[in-house]
């Protein structure tokens, strides 16, 4: 009797260990990028912003698929516009460095600011780099912050100035 129970337990463990991963995060962390891509894609297409960001990463790096900056940009943009802070940082990087799109320091600043207001420390550092470069005037930086408000989910973290309510 005990031998049968142990055999069934052993067989169950072997079968479950051989099964394909169903959690895309675990598949990604294990380096099974093809499975992660297959699991995230339907979620991303349904609007899951975390899945959209991860698809952007997979396309950007060429993990589990061919490297494609255009598709990475598309998925990052979807997640960024939904308020996903890491995607906003990633999207800002794509625009800042001209990967998959034309380089645009102002728009990169918009996305970095949105991400930084939502806790992304890397984006906060990028804002400092852009500000120190002198490529955007203080007025341009202010307007970029106002533009970023649309993508900052927590209203208390949005930028406020006397110009916030002025039409551009």
C-alpha atoms as a PDB file:
ATOM      1  CA  UNK A   1       0.000   0.000   0.000  1.00  0.00           C
ATOM      2  CA  UNK A   2       2.711   2.488   0.988  1.00  0.00           C
ATOM      3  CA  UNK A   3       4.714   1.474  -2.089  1.00  0.00           C
ATOM      4  CA  UNK A   4       1.712   2.308  -4.277  1.00  0.00           C
ATOM      5  CA  UNK A   5       1.261   5.710  -2.642  1.00  0.00           C
ATOM      6  CA  UNK A   6       4.956   6.488  -2.989  1.00  0.00           C
ATOM      7  CA  UNK A   7       4.908   5.350  -6.631  1.00  0.00           C
ATOM      8  CA  UNK A   8       1.891   7.562  -7.395  1.00  0.00           C
ATOM      9  CA  UNK A   9       3.528  10.504  -5.608  1.00  0.00           C
ATOM     10  CA  UNK A  10       6.761   9.941  -7.542  1.00  0.00           C
ATOM     11  CA  UNK A  11       4.879   9.653 -10.841  1.00  0.00           C
ATOM     12  CA  UNK A  12       2.966  12.874 -10.099  1.00  0.00           C
ATOM     13  CA  UNK A  13       6.194  14.751  -9.346  1.00  0.00           C
ATOM     14  CA  UNK A  14       7.837  13.498 -12.546  1.00  0.00           C
ATOM     15  CA  UNK A  15       4.854  14.421 -14.695  1.00  0.00           C
ATOM     16  CA  UNK A  16       4.428  17.886 -13.217  1.00  0.00           C
ATOM     17  CA  UNK A  17       8.154  18.587 -13.491  1.00  0.00           C
ATOM     18  CA  UNK A  18       8.057  17.696 -17.191  1.00  0.00           C
ATOM     19  CA  UNK A  19       5.045  19.867 -17.918  1.00  0.00           C
ATOM     20  CA  UNK A  20       5.415  23.143 -19.743  1.00  0.00           C
ATOM     21  CA  UNK A  21       5.502  26.284 -17.591  1.00  0.00           C
ATOM     22  CA  UNK A  22       2.204  28.165 -17.424  1.00  0.00           C
ATOM     23  CA  UNK A  23       3.430  31.272 -15.592  1.00  0.00           C
ATOM     24  CA  UNK A  24       5.125  33.691 -18.030  1.00  0.00           C
ATOM     25  CA  UNK A  25       7.178  35.376 -15.295  1.00  0.00           C
ATOM     26  CA  UNK A  26       8.645  32.061 -14.168  1.00  0.00           C
ATOM     27  CA  UNK A  27       9.282  31.028 -17.788  1.00  0.00           C
ATOM     28  CA  UNK A  28      11.058  34.357 -18.375  1.00  0.00           C
ATOM     29  CA  UNK A  29      13.147  34.013 -15.214  1.00  0.00           C
ATOM     30  CA  UNK A  30      14.131  30.463 -16.215  1.00  0.00           C
ATOM     31  CA  UNK A  31      15.233  31.705 -19.643  1.00  0.00           C
ATOM     32  CA  UNK A  32      12.394  29.974 -21.498  1.00  0.00           C
ATOM     33  CA  UNK A  33      11.642  33.058 -23.568  1.00  0.00           C
ATOM     34  CA  UNK A  34       9.639  31.262 -26.271  1.00  0.00           C
ATOM     35  CA  UNK A  35       7.171  30.035 -23.667  1.00  0.00           C
ATOM     36  CA  UNK A  36       7.079  33.443 -21.986  1.00  0.00           C
ATOM     37  CA  UNK A  37       6.307  35.023 -25.374  1.00  0.00           C
ATOM     38  CA  UNK A  38       3.508  32.527 -26.054  1.00  0.00           C
ATOM     39  CA  UNK A  39       1.972  33.121 -22.631  1.00  0.00           C
ATOM     40  CA  UNK A  40       2.292  36.907 -22.596  1.00  0.00           C
ATOM     41  CA  UNK A  41       1.134  37.665 -26.130  1.00  0.00           C
ATOM     42  CA  UNK A  42      -2.581  36.884 -25.629  1.00  0.00           C
ATOM     43  CA  UNK A  43      -2.552  38.749 -22.316  1.00  0.00           C
ATOM     44  CA  UNK A  44      -0.874  41.761 -23.951  1.00  0.00           C
ATOM     45  CA  UNK A  45      -3.392  41.752 -26.789  1.00  0.00           C
ATOM     46  CA  UNK A  46      -6.179  41.835 -24.179  1.00  0.00           C
ATOM     47  CA  UNK A  47      -4.666  44.976 -22.626  1.00  0.00           C
ATOM     48  CA  UNK A  48      -2.551  43.601 -19.774  1.00  0.00           C
ATOM     49  CA  UNK A  49       0.055  46.348 -19.365  1.00  0.00           C
ATOM     50  CA  UNK A  50       2.562  44.122 -17.525  1.00  0.00           C
ATOM     51  CA  UNK A  51       2.433  41.613 -20.391  1.00  0.00           C
ATOM     52  CA  UNK A  52       2.773  44.468 -22.896  1.00  0.00           C
ATOM     53  CA  UNK A  53       5.911  45.707 -21.170  1.00  0.00           C
ATOM     54  CA  UNK A  54       7.410  42.214 -21.120  1.00  0.00           C
ATOM     55  CA  UNK A  55       6.659  41.749 -24.825  1.00  0.00           C
ATOM     56  CA  UNK A  56       8.500  45.006 -25.426  1.00  0.00           C
ATOM     57  CA  UNK A  57      11.478  43.615 -23.520  1.00  0.00           C
ATOM     58  CA  UNK A  58      11.421  40.345 -25.478  1.00  0.00           C
ATOM     59  CA  UNK A  59      11.286  42.151 -28.830  1.00  0.00           C
ATOM     60  CA  UNK A  60      13.916  44.684 -27.757  1.00  0.00           C
ATOM     61  CA  UNK A  61      16.385  42.016 -26.691  1.00  0.00           C
ATOM     62  CA  UNK A  62      15.407  39.417 -29.286  1.00  0.00           C
ATOM     63  CA  UNK A  63      14.626  36.815 -26.617  1.00  0.00           C
ATOM     64  CA  UNK A  64      12.182  34.147 -27.811  1.00  0.00           C
ATOM     65  CA  UNK A  65      11.732  36.051 -31.060  1.00  0.00           C
ATOM     66  CA  UNK A  66      13.694  38.102 -33.553  1.00  0.00           C
ATOM     67  CA  UNK A  67      14.977  41.440 -32.298  1.00  0.00           C
ATOM     68  CA  UNK A  68      12.541  44.086 -33.522  1.00  0.00           C
ATOM     69  CA  UNK A  69      12.769  47.652 -32.209  1.00  0.00           C
ATOM     70  CA  UNK A  70       9.557  48.630 -34.002  1.00  0.00           C
ATOM     71  CA  UNK A  71       7.517  45.961 -32.208  1.00  0.00           C
ATOM     72  CA  UNK A  72       9.284  46.695 -28.923  1.00  0.00           C
ATOM     73  CA  UNK A  73       8.355  50.348 -29.304  1.00  0.00           C
ATOM     74  CA  UNK A  74       4.737  49.440 -30.061  1.00  0.00           C
ATOM     75  CA  UNK A  75       4.336  47.261 -26.962  1.00  0.00           C
ATOM     76  CA  UNK A  76       6.159  49.686 -24.698  1.00  0.00           C
ATOM     77  CA  UNK A  77       3.929  52.492 -25.966  1.00  0.00           C
ATOM     78  CA  UNK A  78       0.734  50.579 -25.219  1.00  0.00           C
ATOM     79  CA  UNK A  79       1.832  49.816 -21.654  1.00  0.00           C
ATOM     80  CA  UNK A  80       3.266  53.313 -21.141  1.00  0.00           C
ATOM     81  CA  UNK A  81       0.032  55.008 -22.171  1.00  0.00           C
ATOM     82  CA  UNK A  82      -1.791  52.764 -19.683  1.00  0.00           C
ATOM     83  CA  UNK A  83       0.379  54.151 -16.881  1.00  0.00           C
ATOM     84  CA  UNK A  84       2.930  51.320 -16.430  1.00  0.00           C
ATOM     85  CA  UNK A  85       5.995  53.052 -14.944  1.00  0.00           C
ATOM     86  CA  UNK A  86       8.621  50.571 -16.160  1.00  0.00           C
ATOM     87  CA  UNK A  87       7.170  50.660 -19.675  1.00  0.00           C
ATOM     88  CA  UNK A  88       7.217  54.459 -19.543  1.00  0.00           C
ATOM     89  CA  UNK A  89      10.922  54.327 -18.727  1.00  0.00           C
ATOM     90  CA  UNK A  90      11.521  51.779 -21.495  1.00  0.00           C
ATOM     91  CA  UNK A  91       9.504  53.813 -23.985  1.00  0.00           C
ATOM     92  CA  UNK A  92      11.415  56.936 -22.961  1.00  0.00           C
ATOM     93  CA  UNK A  93      14.692  55.115 -23.597  1.00  0.00           C
ATOM     94  CA  UNK A  94      13.560  54.086 -27.078  1.00  0.00           C
ATOM     95  CA  UNK A  95      12.685  57.700 -27.925  1.00  0.00           C
ATOM     96  CA  UNK A  96      15.727  59.182 -26.170  1.00  0.00           C
ATOM     97  CA  UNK A  97      18.166  56.990 -28.073  1.00  0.00           C
ATOM     98  CA  UNK A  98      16.231  56.754 -31.349  1.00  0.00           C
ATOM     99  CA  UNK A  99      15.622  53.019 -31.308  1.00  0.00           C
ATOM    100  CA  UNK A 100      12.706  52.089 -33.550  1.00  0.00           C
ATOM    101  CA  UNK A 101      11.746  55.746 -33.868  1.00  0.00           C
ATOM    102  CA  UNK A 102      13.175  59.202 -34.395  1.00  0.00           C
ATOM    103  CA  UNK A 103      15.208  60.538 -31.472  1.00  0.00           C
ATOM    104  CA  UNK A 104      13.204  63.144 -29.527  1.00  0.00           C
ATOM    105  CA  UNK A 105      14.602  64.508 -26.251  1.00  0.00           C
ATOM    106  CA  UNK A 106      11.409  66.389 -25.374  1.00  0.00           C
ATOM    107  CA  UNK A 107       9.166  63.307 -25.710  1.00  0.00           C
ATOM    108  CA  UNK A 108      11.710  61.178 -23.853  1.00  0.00           C
ATOM    109  CA  UNK A 109      11.545  63.700 -20.997  1.00  0.00           C
ATOM    110  CA  UNK A 110       7.726  63.415 -20.974  1.00  0.00           C
ATOM    111  CA  UNK A 111       7.915  59.652 -20.495  1.00  0.00           C
ATOM    112  CA  UNK A 112      10.800  59.740 -18.044  1.00  0.00           C
ATOM    113  CA  UNK A 113       8.912  62.246 -15.922  1.00  0.00           C
ATOM    114  CA  UNK A 114       5.741  60.117 -15.888  1.00  0.00           C
ATOM    115  CA  UNK A 115       7.781  57.063 -14.903  1.00  0.00           C
ATOM    116  CA  UNK A 116       9.767  58.888 -12.236  1.00  0.00           C
ATOM    117  CA  UNK A 117       6.615  60.281 -10.609  1.00  0.00           C
ATOM    118  CA  UNK A 118       5.409  56.696 -10.300  1.00  0.00           C
ATOM    119  CA  UNK A 119       8.583  55.485  -8.604  1.00  0.00           C
ATOM    120  CA  UNK A 120      10.973  54.489 -11.398  1.00  0.00           C
ATOM    121  CA  UNK A 121      14.375  55.619 -10.136  1.00  0.00           C
ATOM    122  CA  UNK A 122      16.142  54.978 -13.452  1.00  0.00           C
ATOM    123  CA  UNK A 123      13.797  57.429 -15.129  1.00  0.00           C
ATOM    124  CA  UNK A 124      14.533  60.016 -12.439  1.00  0.00           C
ATOM    125  CA  UNK A 125      18.238  59.724 -13.266  1.00  0.00           C
ATOM    126  CA  UNK A 126      17.521  60.168 -16.973  1.00  0.00           C
ATOM    127  CA  UNK A 127      15.607  63.377 -16.211  1.00  0.00           C
ATOM    128  CA  UNK A 128      18.693  64.691 -14.414  1.00  0.00           C
ATOM    129  CA  UNK A 129      20.891  63.761 -17.381  1.00  0.00           C
ATOM    130  CA  UNK A 130      18.620  65.565 -19.840  1.00  0.00           C
ATOM    131  CA  UNK A 131      18.304  68.621 -17.593  1.00  0.00           C
ATOM    132  CA  UNK A 132      22.090  68.792 -17.164  1.00  0.00           C
ATOM    133  CA  UNK A 133      22.687  68.437 -20.908  1.00  0.00           C
ATOM    134  CA  UNK A 134      21.032  71.774 -21.642  1.00  0.00           C
ATOM    135  CA  UNK A 135      19.075  70.245 -24.527  1.00  0.00           C
ATOM    136  CA  UNK A 136      15.748  71.335 -23.013  1.00  0.00           C
ATOM    137  CA  UNK A 137      15.054  74.744 -21.576  1.00  0.00           C
ATOM    138  CA  UNK A 138      13.384  74.995 -18.158  1.00  0.00           C
ATOM    139  CA  UNK A 139      10.207  76.089 -19.968  1.00  0.00           C
ATOM    140  CA  UNK A 140      10.307  72.998 -22.211  1.00  0.00           C
ATOM    141  CA  UNK A 141      10.859  70.811 -19.160  1.00  0.00           C
ATOM    142  CA  UNK A 142       7.837  72.357 -17.462  1.00  0.00           C
ATOM    143  CA  UNK A 143       5.623  71.768 -20.499  1.00  0.00           C
ATOM    144  CA  UNK A 144       6.886  68.185 -20.781  1.00  0.00           C
ATOM    145  CA  UNK A 145       5.894  67.624 -17.150  1.00  0.00           C
ATOM    146  CA  UNK A 146       2.427  69.000 -17.833  1.00  0.00           C
ATOM    147  CA  UNK A 147       2.102  66.710 -20.856  1.00  0.00           C
ATOM    148  CA  UNK A 148       3.216  63.730 -18.739  1.00  0.00           C
ATOM    149  CA  UNK A 149       0.334  64.277 -16.295  1.00  0.00           C
ATOM    150  CA  UNK A 150      -1.985  62.407 -18.652  1.00  0.00           C
ATOM    151  CA  UNK A 151      -0.013  59.207 -18.028  1.00  0.00           C
ATOM    152  CA  UNK A 152       0.499  59.477 -14.256  1.00  0.00           C
ATOM    153  CA  UNK A 153      -2.160  57.336 -12.617  1.00  0.00           C
ATOM    154  CA  UNK A 154      -2.028  58.818  -9.105  1.00  0.00           C
ATOM    155  CA  UNK A 155      -3.389  62.362  -9.357  1.00  0.00           C
ATOM    156  CA  UNK A 156      -1.433  63.412  -6.252  1.00  0.00           C
ATOM    157  CA  UNK A 157       1.831  62.737  -8.114  1.00  0.00           C
ATOM    158  CA  UNK A 158       0.974  64.895 -11.100  1.00  0.00           C
ATOM    159  CA  UNK A 159       2.903  68.082 -11.817  1.00  0.00           C
ATOM    160  CA  UNK A 160       1.144  71.304 -10.960  1.00  0.00           C
ATOM    161  CA  UNK A 161       2.141  74.798 -12.040  1.00  0.00           C
ATOM    162  CA  UNK A 162       0.395  78.001 -12.963  1.00  0.00           C
ATOM    163  CA  UNK A 163       0.686  76.878 -16.609  1.00  0.00           C
ATOM    164  CA  UNK A 164      -1.016  73.510 -16.016  1.00  0.00           C
ATOM    165  CA  UNK A 165      -4.377  74.880 -17.101  1.00  0.00           C
ATOM    166  CA  UNK A 166      -3.148  76.923 -20.052  1.00  0.00           C
ATOM    167  CA  UNK A 167      -3.985  75.498 -23.468  1.00  0.00           C
ATOM    168  CA  UNK A 168      -0.945  74.912 -25.604  1.00  0.00           C
END
